[in-house]
Amino acid sequence: MRNKKRIIAAVLVASTFAFGLTGCGSSKTETADNNATQTEDDANTETTDEADADTGSDLTGSISLAGSTSMEKLCEAMSESFMNKYEGITVTAEYTGSGAGLESLAAGSIDIGNASRGLKDEEKAQGEVENVVAIDGIAVIADKDNKVVDITSDDLGKIYKGEITNWSDLGGEDQSIVVLGREAGSGTRDAFEELLEIKDQCNYAQELDSTGAVLAKVATTPGAIGYVSLDVVDDTVSEVKLNGVEPSEEKIKAGEYMLSRPFVMATKGEISEQNDLVKTWFDYIKSDEGKEVIKNVGLIIPD
């Protein structure tokens, strides 16, 4: 009996010892796992910190733009989105017209000159570089009551040259055509006249100083016709087809709609030669976030 008790006690001690070893082994494994998890978390934190540094979130200062009134909607949306991401950078923009903006850039008083047209040879000769950030269509608009919904490019040119003066000549009502357009120096006007090959031949009833002004004037003037940036067209006016083609991203990219022009953010010298703030601005425009802004304001992302 005494031997039997000793055997049972030995078995109990051995079981307890084995259980203890198993418990210790489990604790070491959990500790190793916890250490590995902590190491991974630390690595992720370092990666996040490096990513934050790469975004330029520590940059501070200001970026100044001036130029095309047609680019106001794009610039305001892009600036707001950009400053939400880069809180230390302030973006300011003035809408003085393409020509005036490029003159300010040449004089060195701003960082970026906005132009709703391609740069001229004399502007490039001054060291200004053409950076196309978006493509815009130029829409032909008439007042809502106008029955003419389609015009050939040839007839449109004749309207602006004063050779066609009544809507009845185009199948519309017996009503005088009120020819509206932009002021001299406007990028929209330059592009419109050059594309129709009527540069310096136009006979305007009134020249207006902004895209918004043309839209509002056409909307409230019987018999009026005008041209504006495609992205601002709303239901206050009638959009007129050109050669049977309506202005749209699909038609513009396919080359079927002829009135389209670049939105340029010009710099004095290449982008690579600019300061870190301006480089960050252009990097943002080319990013997925920047492209989303361009699409949301109704413009086309250049290829």
C-alpha atoms as a PDB file:
ATOM      1  CA  MET A   1       0.000   0.000   0.000  1.00  0.00           C
ATOM      2  CA  ARG A   2       2.809   2.387   0.928  1.00  0.00           C
ATOM      3  CA  ASN A   3       4.513   1.701  -2.428  1.00  0.00           C
ATOM      4  CA  LYS A   4       1.259   2.348  -4.235  1.00  0.00           C
ATOM      5  CA  LYS A   5       0.940   5.758  -2.554  1.00  0.00           C
ATOM      6  CA  ARG A   6       4.502   6.601  -3.540  1.00  0.00           C
ATOM      7  CA  ILE A   7       3.762   5.753  -7.192  1.00  0.00           C
ATOM      8  CA  ILE A   8       0.630   7.933  -7.223  1.00  0.00           C
ATOM      9  CA  ALA A   9       2.557  10.852  -5.658  1.00  0.00           C
ATOM     10  CA  ALA A  10       5.309  10.510  -8.275  1.00  0.00           C
ATOM     11  CA  VAL A  11       2.757  10.574 -11.054  1.00  0.00           C
ATOM     12  CA  LEU A  12       1.148  13.722  -9.621  1.00  0.00           C
ATOM     13  CA  VAL A  13       4.516  15.485  -9.329  1.00  0.00           C
ATOM     14  CA  ALA A  14       5.445  14.549 -12.888  1.00  0.00           C
ATOM     15  CA  SER A  15       2.092  15.791 -14.193  1.00  0.00           C
ATOM     16  CA  THR A  16       2.459  19.047 -12.347  1.00  0.00           C
ATOM     17  CA  PHE A  17       5.995  19.506 -13.657  1.00  0.00           C
ATOM     18  CA  ALA A  18       4.878  18.785 -17.252  1.00  0.00           C
ATOM     19  CA  PHE A  19       1.971  21.235 -16.940  1.00  0.00           C
ATOM     20  CA  GLY A  20       4.368  23.869 -15.658  1.00  0.00           C
ATOM     21  CA  LEU A  21       6.645  23.368 -18.609  1.00  0.00           C
ATOM     22  CA  THR A  22       3.698  23.662 -21.002  1.00  0.00           C
ATOM     23  CA  GLY A  23       2.556  26.871 -19.300  1.00  0.00           C
ATOM     24  CA  CYS A  24       6.024  28.398 -19.476  1.00  0.00           C
ATOM     25  CA  GLY A  25       6.290  27.484 -23.147  1.00  0.00           C
ATOM     26  CA  SER A  26       2.954  29.216 -23.848  1.00  0.00           C
ATOM     27  CA  SER A  27       4.033  32.382 -22.057  1.00  0.00           C
ATOM     28  CA  LYS A  28       7.248  32.592 -24.068  1.00  0.00           C
ATOM     29  CA  THR A  29       5.335  32.194 -27.343  1.00  0.00           C
ATOM     30  CA  GLU A  30       2.862  34.922 -26.418  1.00  0.00           C
ATOM     31  CA  THR A  31       5.719  37.215 -25.419  1.00  0.00           C
ATOM     32  CA  ALA A  32       7.463  36.591 -28.751  1.00  0.00           C
ATOM     33  CA  ASP A  33       4.230  37.272 -30.620  1.00  0.00           C
ATOM     34  CA  ASN A  34       3.660  40.477 -28.675  1.00  0.00           C
ATOM     35  CA  ASN A  35       7.225  41.609 -29.376  1.00  0.00           C
ATOM     36  CA  ALA A  36       6.780  40.900 -33.094  1.00  0.00           C
ATOM     37  CA  THR A  37       3.495  42.830 -33.143  1.00  0.00           C
ATOM     38  CA  GLN A  38       5.105  45.782 -31.388  1.00  0.00           C
ATOM     39  CA  THR A  39       8.010  45.743 -33.854  1.00  0.00           C
ATOM     40  CA  GLU A  40       5.551  45.720 -36.760  1.00  0.00           C
ATOM     41  CA  ASP A  41       3.578  48.615 -35.228  1.00  0.00           C
ATOM     42  CA  ASP A  42       6.790  50.590 -34.768  1.00  0.00           C
ATOM     43  CA  ALA A  43       7.732  49.943 -38.393  1.00  0.00           C
ATOM     44  CA  ASN A  44       4.287  51.044 -39.570  1.00  0.00           C
ATOM     45  CA  THR A  45       4.576  54.212 -37.489  1.00  0.00           C
ATOM     46  CA  GLU A  46       7.965  54.982 -39.027  1.00  0.00           C
ATOM     47  CA  THR A  47       6.551  54.345 -42.526  1.00  0.00           C
ATOM     48  CA  THR A  48       3.614  56.666 -41.822  1.00  0.00           C
ATOM     49  CA  ASP A  49       5.971  59.347 -40.522  1.00  0.00           C
ATOM     50  CA  GLU A  50       8.104  59.004 -43.655  1.00  0.00           C
ATOM     51  CA  ALA A  51       4.985  59.233 -45.863  1.00  0.00           C
ATOM     52  CA  ASP A  52       3.889  62.386 -44.039  1.00  0.00           C
ATOM     53  CA  ALA A  53       7.314  63.868 -44.634  1.00  0.00           C
ATOM     54  CA  ASP A  54       7.154  62.931 -48.322  1.00  0.00           C
ATOM     55  CA  THR A  55       3.864  64.807 -48.779  1.00  0.00           C
ATOM     56  CA  GLY A  56       5.571  68.050 -47.855  1.00  0.00           C
ATOM     57  CA  SER A  57       3.190  68.606 -44.954  1.00  0.00           C
ATOM     58  CA  ASP A  58       5.924  70.556 -43.174  1.00  0.00           C
ATOM     59  CA  LEU A  59       6.111  73.164 -45.958  1.00  0.00           C
ATOM     60  CA  THR A  60       4.948  76.696 -45.213  1.00  0.00           C
ATOM     61  CA  GLY A  61       4.562  79.771 -47.398  1.00  0.00           C
ATOM     62  CA  SER A  62       2.392  81.050 -50.240  1.00  0.00           C
ATOM     63  CA  ILE A  63       1.825  80.483 -53.950  1.00  0.00           C
ATOM     64  CA  SER A  64       0.468  83.285 -56.142  1.00  0.00           C
ATOM     65  CA  LEU A  65      -1.456  82.849 -59.399  1.00  0.00           C
ATOM     66  CA  ALA A  66      -3.048  85.362 -61.771  1.00  0.00           C
ATOM     67  CA  GLY A  67      -4.661  85.304 -65.190  1.00  0.00           C
ATOM     68  CA  SER A  68      -7.587  83.748 -67.045  1.00  0.00           C
ATOM     69  CA  THR A  69     -11.102  84.412 -65.723  1.00  0.00           C
ATOM     70  CA  SER A  70     -12.209  81.181 -67.422  1.00  0.00           C
ATOM     71  CA  MET A  71      -9.937  79.259 -65.041  1.00  0.00           C
ATOM     72  CA  GLU A  72     -11.504  80.697 -61.876  1.00  0.00           C
ATOM     73  CA  LYS A  73     -13.698  77.678 -61.163  1.00  0.00           C
ATOM     74  CA  LEU A  74     -10.753  75.294 -61.549  1.00  0.00           C
ATOM     75  CA  CYS A  75      -8.355  77.425 -59.495  1.00  0.00           C
ATOM     76  CA  GLU A  76     -10.779  77.949 -56.627  1.00  0.00           C
ATOM     77  CA  ALA A  77     -11.604  74.239 -56.389  1.00  0.00           C
ATOM     78  CA  MET A  78      -7.964  73.176 -56.716  1.00  0.00           C
ATOM     79  CA  SER A  79      -6.764  75.758 -54.178  1.00  0.00           C
ATOM     80  CA  GLU A  80      -9.336  74.697 -51.592  1.00  0.00           C
ATOM     81  CA  SER A  81      -8.509  71.010 -51.990  1.00  0.00           C
ATOM     82  CA  PHE A  82      -4.755  71.687 -51.956  1.00  0.00           C
ATOM     83  CA  MET A  83      -4.847  73.869 -48.822  1.00  0.00           C
ATOM     84  CA  ASN A  84      -6.918  71.279 -46.984  1.00  0.00           C
ATOM     85  CA  LYS A  85      -4.036  68.859 -47.469  1.00  0.00           C
ATOM     86  CA  TYR A  86      -1.165  71.329 -47.045  1.00  0.00           C
ATOM     87  CA  GLU A  87      -2.318  73.500 -44.180  1.00  0.00           C
ATOM     88  CA  GLY A  88       0.926  75.450 -44.055  1.00  0.00           C
ATOM     89  CA  ILE A  89       0.652  76.687 -47.643  1.00  0.00           C
ATOM     90  CA  THR A  90      -1.603  79.552 -48.755  1.00  0.00           C
ATOM     91  CA  VAL A  91      -2.685  79.826 -52.398  1.00  0.00           C
ATOM     92  CA  THR A  92      -3.907  83.174 -53.752  1.00  0.00           C
ATOM     93  CA  ALA A  93      -5.344  83.782 -57.220  1.00  0.00           C
ATOM     94  CA  GLU A  94      -6.416  86.867 -59.151  1.00  0.00           C
ATOM     95  CA  TYR A  95      -8.490  86.714 -62.323  1.00  0.00           C
ATOM     96  CA  THR A  96      -7.145  89.479 -64.529  1.00  0.00           C
ATOM     97  CA  GLY A  97      -7.275  87.815 -67.971  1.00  0.00           C
ATOM     98  CA  SER A  98      -4.749  85.547 -69.669  1.00  0.00           C
ATOM     99  CA  GLY A  99      -2.629  88.310 -71.171  1.00  0.00           C
ATOM    100  CA  ALA A 100      -2.389  90.266 -67.923  1.00  0.00           C
ATOM    101  CA  GLY A 101      -1.523  87.139 -65.950  1.00  0.00           C
ATOM    102  CA  LEU A 102       1.322  86.254 -68.287  1.00  0.00           C
ATOM    103  CA  GLU A 103       2.610  89.828 -68.129  1.00  0.00           C
ATOM    104  CA  SER A 104       2.704  89.573 -64.328  1.00  0.00           C
ATOM    105  CA  LEU A 105       4.588  86.287 -64.605  1.00  0.00           C
ATOM    106  CA  ALA A 106       7.139  87.832 -66.960  1.00  0.00           C
ATOM    107  CA  ALA A 107       7.591  90.711 -64.493  1.00  0.00           C
ATOM    108  CA  GLY A 108       8.221  88.235 -61.677  1.00  0.00           C
ATOM    109  CA  SER A 109       5.360  89.453 -59.496  1.00  0.00           C
ATOM    110  CA  ILE A 110       3.576  86.065 -59.346  1.00  0.00           C
ATOM    111  CA  ASP A 111       4.561  82.394 -59.308  1.00  0.00           C
ATOM    112  CA  ILE A 112       2.127  81.077 -61.928  1.00  0.00           C
ATOM    113  CA  GLY A 113       0.398  82.735 -64.886  1.00  0.00           C
ATOM    114  CA  ASN A 114      -2.968  81.237 -65.863  1.00  0.00           C
ATOM    115  CA  ALA A 115      -3.856  81.266 -69.563  1.00  0.00           C
ATOM    116  CA  SER A 116      -6.852  79.728 -71.306  1.00  0.00           C
ATOM    117  CA  ARG A 117      -4.874  79.428 -74.534  1.00  0.00           C
ATOM    118  CA  GLY A 118      -1.488  78.259 -75.713  1.00  0.00           C
ATOM    119  CA  LEU A 119       1.465  80.570 -75.134  1.00  0.00           C
ATOM    120  CA  LYS A 120       2.551  82.874 -77.906  1.00  0.00           C
ATOM    121  CA  ASP A 121       6.066  82.776 -79.328  1.00  0.00           C
ATOM    122  CA  GLU A 122       6.967  86.103 -77.728  1.00  0.00           C
ATOM    123  CA  GLU A 123       5.826  84.848 -74.327  1.00  0.00           C
ATOM    124  CA  LYS A 124       7.917  81.717 -74.667  1.00  0.00           C
ATOM    125  CA  ALA A 125      10.859  83.912 -75.700  1.00  0.00           C
ATOM    126  CA  GLN A 126      10.610  85.578 -72.281  1.00  0.00           C
ATOM    127  CA  GLY A 127      11.234  82.227 -70.615  1.00  0.00           C
ATOM    128  CA  GLU A 128       7.613  81.345 -69.882  1.00  0.00           C
ATOM    129  CA  VAL A 129       6.867  77.630 -70.016  1.00  0.00           C
ATOM    130  CA  GLU A 130       3.491  76.196 -71.050  1.00  0.00           C
ATOM    131  CA  ASN A 131       2.183  73.652 -68.515  1.00  0.00           C
ATOM    132  CA  VAL A 132      -1.178  72.285 -69.689  1.00  0.00           C
ATOM    133  CA  VAL A 133      -3.213  71.166 -66.661  1.00  0.00           C
ATOM    134  CA  ALA A 134      -6.640  70.653 -68.279  1.00  0.00           C
ATOM    135  CA  ILE A 135      -8.565  70.854 -71.559  1.00  0.00           C
ATOM    136  CA  ASP A 136     -11.670  73.012 -71.889  1.00  0.00           C
ATOM    137  CA  GLY A 137     -14.318  73.221 -74.559  1.00  0.00           C
ATOM    138  CA  ILE A 138     -15.674  76.578 -75.722  1.00  0.00           C
ATOM    139  CA  ALA A 139     -19.447  76.454 -75.941  1.00  0.00           C
ATOM    140  CA  VAL A 140     -21.525  78.637 -78.263  1.00  0.00           C
ATOM    141  CA  ILE A 141     -24.600  79.884 -76.424  1.00  0.00           C
ATOM    142  CA  ALA A 142     -27.794  81.768 -77.323  1.00  0.00           C
ATOM    143  CA  ASP A 143     -30.766  83.035 -75.345  1.00  0.00           C
ATOM    144  CA  LYS A 144     -33.268  80.374 -74.276  1.00  0.00           C
ATOM    145  CA  ASP A 145     -35.982  81.457 -76.726  1.00  0.00           C
ATOM    146  CA  ASN A 146     -33.753  81.104 -79.780  1.00  0.00           C
ATOM    147  CA  LYS A 147     -34.965  78.385 -82.159  1.00  0.00           C
ATOM    148  CA  VAL A 148     -31.602  77.879 -83.876  1.00  0.00           C
ATOM    149  CA  VAL A 149     -29.897  74.898 -82.247  1.00  0.00           C
ATOM    150  CA  ASP A 150     -27.167  74.120 -84.778  1.00  0.00           C
ATOM    151  CA  ILE A 151     -24.736  76.381 -86.661  1.00  0.00           C
ATOM    152  CA  THR A 152     -21.937  75.572 -89.067  1.00  0.00           C
ATOM    153  CA  SER A 153     -18.485  76.873 -88.194  1.00  0.00           C
ATOM    154  CA  ASP A 154     -18.543  78.870 -91.432  1.00  0.00           C
ATOM    155  CA  ASP A 155     -21.820  80.606 -90.503  1.00  0.00           C
ATOM    156  CA  LEU A 156     -20.577  81.222 -86.967  1.00  0.00           C
ATOM    157  CA  GLY A 157     -17.570  83.025 -88.391  1.00  0.00           C
ATOM    158  CA  LYS A 158     -19.839  85.106 -90.613  1.00  0.00           C
ATOM    159  CA  ILE A 159     -22.003  86.056 -87.630  1.00  0.00           C
ATOM    160  CA  TYR A 160     -18.978  87.359 -85.746  1.00  0.00           C
ATOM    161  CA  LYS A 161     -17.629  89.195 -88.781  1.00  0.00           C
ATOM    162  CA  GLY A 162     -21.007  90.905 -89.236  1.00  0.00           C
ATOM    163  CA  GLU A 163     -21.830  89.177 -92.521  1.00  0.00           C
ATOM    164  CA  ILE A 164     -24.920  87.414 -91.101  1.00  0.00           C
ATOM    165  CA  THR A 165     -26.968  89.770 -88.933  1.00  0.00           C
ATOM    166  CA  ASN A 166     -30.429  88.195 -88.612  1.00  0.00           C
ATOM    167  CA  TRP A 167     -31.462  84.817 -87.206  1.00  0.00           C
ATOM    168  CA  SER A 168     -33.896  84.344 -90.096  1.00  0.00           C
ATOM    169  CA  ASP A 169     -30.888  83.771 -92.367  1.00  0.00           C
ATOM    170  CA  LEU A 170     -30.191  80.630 -90.318  1.00  0.00           C
ATOM    171  CA  GLY A 171     -33.756  79.338 -90.151  1.00  0.00           C
ATOM    172  CA  GLY A 172     -34.701  81.201 -86.997  1.00  0.00           C
ATOM    173  CA  GLU A 173     -37.012  84.092 -86.168  1.00  0.00           C
ATOM    174  CA  ASP A 174     -36.821  87.479 -87.888  1.00  0.00           C
ATOM    175  CA  GLN A 175     -34.637  88.918 -85.158  1.00  0.00           C
ATOM    176  CA  SER A 176     -31.351  90.814 -85.148  1.00  0.00           C
ATOM    177  CA  ILE A 177     -28.324  88.915 -83.882  1.00  0.00           C
ATOM    178  CA  VAL A 178     -26.641  90.548 -80.894  1.00  0.00           C
ATOM    179  CA  VAL A 179     -22.999  89.518 -81.094  1.00  0.00           C
ATOM    180  CA  LEU A 180     -21.325  89.251 -77.674  1.00  0.00           C
ATOM    181  CA  GLY A 181     -17.788  88.237 -76.796  1.00  0.00           C
ATOM    182  CA  ARG A 182     -14.840  88.770 -74.515  1.00  0.00           C
ATOM    183  CA  GLU A 183     -12.505  91.729 -74.186  1.00  0.00           C
ATOM    184  CA  ALA A 184      -9.166  92.032 -75.995  1.00  0.00           C
ATOM    185  CA  GLY A 185      -6.524  89.986 -74.187  1.00  0.00           C
ATOM    186  CA  SER A 186      -8.989  87.299 -73.104  1.00  0.00           C
ATOM    187  CA  GLY A 187      -7.694  83.765 -73.609  1.00  0.00           C
ATOM    188  CA  THR A 188     -11.186  82.576 -74.510  1.00  0.00           C
ATOM    189  CA  ARG A 189     -11.501  85.245 -77.191  1.00  0.00           C
ATOM    190  CA  ASP A 190      -8.041  84.517 -78.601  1.00  0.00           C
ATOM    191  CA  ALA A 191      -8.777  80.798 -78.819  1.00  0.00           C
ATOM    192  CA  PHE A 192     -12.267  81.294 -80.266  1.00  0.00           C
ATOM    193  CA  GLU A 193     -11.115  83.680 -83.010  1.00  0.00           C
ATOM    194  CA  GLU A 194      -8.020  81.666 -83.885  1.00  0.00           C
ATOM    195  CA  LEU A 195      -9.916  78.371 -84.135  1.00  0.00           C
ATOM    196  CA  LEU A 196     -12.492  79.964 -86.440  1.00  0.00           C
ATOM    197  CA  GLU A 197      -9.747  81.857 -88.326  1.00  0.00           C
ATOM    198  CA  ILE A 198     -11.440  85.230 -87.752  1.00  0.00           C
ATOM    199  CA  LYS A 199      -8.716  86.887 -85.671  1.00  0.00           C
ATOM    200  CA  ASP A 200      -9.123  90.700 -85.569  1.00  0.00           C
ATOM    201  CA  GLN A 201     -12.117  90.524 -87.939  1.00  0.00           C
ATOM    202  CA  CYS A 202     -14.949  90.450 -85.408  1.00  0.00           C
ATOM    203  CA  ASN A 203     -17.714  93.001 -85.098  1.00  0.00           C
ATOM    204  CA  TYR A 204     -18.868  92.822 -81.470  1.00  0.00           C
ATOM    205  CA  ALA A 205     -21.957  94.562 -80.165  1.00  0.00           C
ATOM    206  CA  GLN A 206     -20.415  94.333 -76.718  1.00  0.00           C
ATOM    207  CA  GLU A 207     -17.169  93.045 -75.245  1.00  0.00           C
ATOM    208  CA  LEU A 208     -17.415  91.709 -71.690  1.00  0.00           C
ATOM    209  CA  ASP A 209     -14.645  91.184 -69.159  1.00  0.00           C
ATOM    210  CA  SER A 210     -15.431  87.719 -67.799  1.00  0.00           C
ATOM    211  CA  THR A 211     -16.942  84.362 -68.677  1.00  0.00           C
ATOM    212  CA  GLY A 212     -19.697  84.901 -66.124  1.00  0.00           C
ATOM    213  CA  ALA A 213     -20.580  88.273 -67.606  1.00  0.00           C
ATOM    214  CA  VAL A 214     -21.010  86.783 -71.096  1.00  0.00           C
ATOM    215  CA  LEU A 215     -23.226  84.012 -69.725  1.00  0.00           C
ATOM    216  CA  ALA A 216     -25.439  86.464 -67.833  1.00  0.00           C
ATOM    217  CA  LYS A 217     -25.706  88.906 -70.746  1.00  0.00           C
ATOM    218  CA  VAL A 218     -26.680  86.227 -73.266  1.00  0.00           C
ATOM    219  CA  ALA A 219     -29.267  84.850 -70.830  1.00  0.00           C
ATOM    220  CA  THR A 220     -31.004  88.244 -70.542  1.00  0.00           C
ATOM    221  CA  THR A 221     -30.630  89.566 -74.105  1.00  0.00           C
ATOM    222  CA  PRO A 222     -33.115  88.461 -76.830  1.00  0.00           C
ATOM    223  CA  GLY A 223     -31.300  87.486 -80.029  1.00  0.00           C
ATOM    224  CA  ALA A 224     -27.903  87.268 -78.314  1.00  0.00           C
ATOM    225  CA  ILE A 225     -25.092  84.869 -79.144  1.00  0.00           C
ATOM    226  CA  GLY A 226     -21.869  84.399 -77.205  1.00  0.00           C
ATOM    227  CA  TYR A 227     -19.106  81.973 -76.311  1.00  0.00           C
ATOM    228  CA  VAL A 228     -18.052  80.737 -72.879  1.00  0.00           C
ATOM    229  CA  SER A 229     -16.039  78.029 -71.191  1.00  0.00           C
ATOM    230  CA  LEU A 230     -17.938  74.746 -71.444  1.00  0.00           C
ATOM    231  CA  ASP A 231     -17.840  74.079 -67.701  1.00  0.00           C
ATOM    232  CA  VAL A 232     -19.933  77.177 -66.822  1.00  0.00           C
ATOM    233  CA  VAL A 233     -22.891  76.519 -69.151  1.00  0.00           C
ATOM    234  CA  ASP A 234     -26.161  76.181 -67.256  1.00  0.00           C
ATOM    235  CA  ASP A 235     -29.898  76.104 -67.986  1.00  0.00           C
ATOM    236  CA  THR A 236     -30.215  79.894 -68.265  1.00  0.00           C
ATOM    237  CA  VAL A 237     -29.010  79.713 -71.885  1.00  0.00           C
ATOM    238  CA  SER A 238     -29.341  77.485 -74.941  1.00  0.00           C
ATOM    239  CA  GLU A 239     -26.243  75.530 -75.961  1.00  0.00           C
ATOM    240  CA  VAL A 240     -25.798  75.562 -79.742  1.00  0.00           C
ATOM    241  CA  LYS A 241     -24.307  72.635 -81.660  1.00  0.00           C
ATOM    242  CA  LEU A 242     -21.450  73.364 -84.031  1.00  0.00           C
ATOM    243  CA  ASN A 243     -21.457  71.464 -87.340  1.00  0.00           C
ATOM    244  CA  GLY A 244     -24.027  69.133 -85.787  1.00  0.00           C
ATOM    245  CA  VAL A 245     -21.776  68.254 -82.841  1.00  0.00           C
ATOM    246  CA  GLU A 246     -22.496  69.151 -79.224  1.00  0.00           C
ATOM    247  CA  PRO A 247     -19.552  70.129 -77.015  1.00  0.00           C
ATOM    248  CA  SER A 248     -18.659  67.254 -74.680  1.00  0.00           C
ATOM    249  CA  GLU A 249     -15.547  65.525 -73.326  1.00  0.00           C
ATOM    250  CA  GLU A 250     -16.123  62.542 -75.596  1.00  0.00           C
ATOM    251  CA  LYS A 251     -16.493  64.677 -78.730  1.00  0.00           C
ATOM    252  CA  ILE A 252     -13.545  66.902 -77.842  1.00  0.00           C
ATOM    253  CA  LYS A 253     -11.194  63.960 -77.186  1.00  0.00           C
ATOM    254  CA  ALA A 254     -12.339  62.361 -80.440  1.00  0.00           C
ATOM    255  CA  GLY A 255     -11.499  65.570 -82.296  1.00  0.00           C
ATOM    256  CA  GLU A 256     -15.100  65.936 -83.499  1.00  0.00           C
ATOM    257  CA  TYR A 257     -15.805  69.229 -81.719  1.00  0.00           C
ATOM    258  CA  MET A 258     -13.480  71.940 -82.966  1.00  0.00           C
ATOM    259  CA  LEU A 259     -13.762  74.617 -80.270  1.00  0.00           C
ATOM    260  CA  SER A 260     -11.481  73.413 -77.491  1.00  0.00           C
ATOM    261  CA  ARG A 261      -8.421  74.953 -75.852  1.00  0.00           C
ATOM    262  CA  PRO A 262      -5.815  74.205 -73.172  1.00  0.00           C
ATOM    263  CA  PHE A 263      -5.893  75.533 -69.623  1.00  0.00           C
ATOM    264  CA  VAL A 264      -2.285  76.516 -68.983  1.00  0.00           C
ATOM    265  CA  MET A 265      -0.509  77.257 -65.713  1.00  0.00           C
ATOM    266  CA  ALA A 266       2.655  78.878 -66.982  1.00  0.00           C
ATOM    267  CA  THR A 267       5.881  79.158 -65.016  1.00  0.00           C
ATOM    268  CA  LYS A 268       9.022  81.232 -65.516  1.00  0.00           C
ATOM    269  CA  GLY A 269      11.301  78.357 -66.403  1.00  0.00           C
ATOM    270  CA  GLU A 270      10.586  74.644 -66.106  1.00  0.00           C
ATOM    271  CA  ILE A 271       8.633  73.259 -63.139  1.00  0.00           C
ATOM    272  CA  SER A 272      11.832  71.538 -61.976  1.00  0.00           C
ATOM    273  CA  GLU A 273      13.397  74.996 -61.578  1.00  0.00           C
ATOM    274  CA  GLN A 274      10.653  76.310 -59.277  1.00  0.00           C
ATOM    275  CA  ASN A 275      10.654  76.471 -55.479  1.00  0.00           C
ATOM    276  CA  ASP A 276       9.403  73.546 -53.395  1.00  0.00           C
ATOM    277  CA  LEU A 277       5.966  75.111 -52.897  1.00  0.00           C
ATOM    278  CA  VAL A 278       5.287  75.441 -56.631  1.00  0.00           C
ATOM    279  CA  LYS A 279       6.659  71.953 -57.303  1.00  0.00           C
ATOM    280  CA  THR A 280       4.283  70.587 -54.649  1.00  0.00           C
ATOM    281  CA  TRP A 281       1.366  72.428 -56.313  1.00  0.00           C
ATOM    282  CA  PHE A 282       2.041  70.792 -59.684  1.00  0.00           C
ATOM    283  CA  ASP A 283       2.625  67.389 -58.082  1.00  0.00           C
ATOM    284  CA  TYR A 284      -0.801  67.713 -56.471  1.00  0.00           C
ATOM    285  CA  ILE A 285      -2.484  68.654 -59.765  1.00  0.00           C
ATOM    286  CA  LYS A 286      -1.045  65.500 -61.344  1.00  0.00           C
ATOM    287  CA  SER A 287      -2.078  63.287 -58.403  1.00  0.00           C
ATOM    288  CA  ASP A 288      -5.291  61.268 -58.245  1.00  0.00           C
ATOM    289  CA  GLU A 289      -6.752  63.905 -55.912  1.00  0.00           C
ATOM    290  CA  GLY A 290      -5.898  66.701 -58.320  1.00  0.00           C
ATOM    291  CA  LYS A 291      -7.308  64.815 -61.297  1.00  0.00           C
ATOM    292  CA  GLU A 292     -10.547  64.311 -59.365  1.00  0.00           C
ATOM    293  CA  VAL A 293     -10.827  68.077 -58.883  1.00  0.00           C
ATOM    294  CA  ILE A 294     -10.336  68.639 -62.620  1.00  0.00           C
ATOM    295  CA  LYS A 295     -13.082  66.149 -63.471  1.00  0.00           C
ATOM    296  CA  ASN A 296     -15.455  67.548 -60.846  1.00  0.00           C
ATOM    297  CA  VAL A 297     -15.375  71.031 -62.398  1.00  0.00           C
ATOM    298  CA  GLY A 298     -16.259  69.640 -65.828  1.00  0.00           C
ATOM    299  CA  LEU A 299     -12.833  69.803 -67.456  1.00  0.00           C
ATOM    300  CA  ILE A 300     -10.852  67.181 -69.336  1.00  0.00           C
ATOM    301  CA  ILE A 301      -7.602  65.682 -68.033  1.00  0.00           C
ATOM    302  CA  PRO A 302      -4.900  66.027 -70.706  1.00  0.00           C
ATOM    303  CA  ASP A 303      -3.279  62.825 -71.987  1.00  0.00           C
END
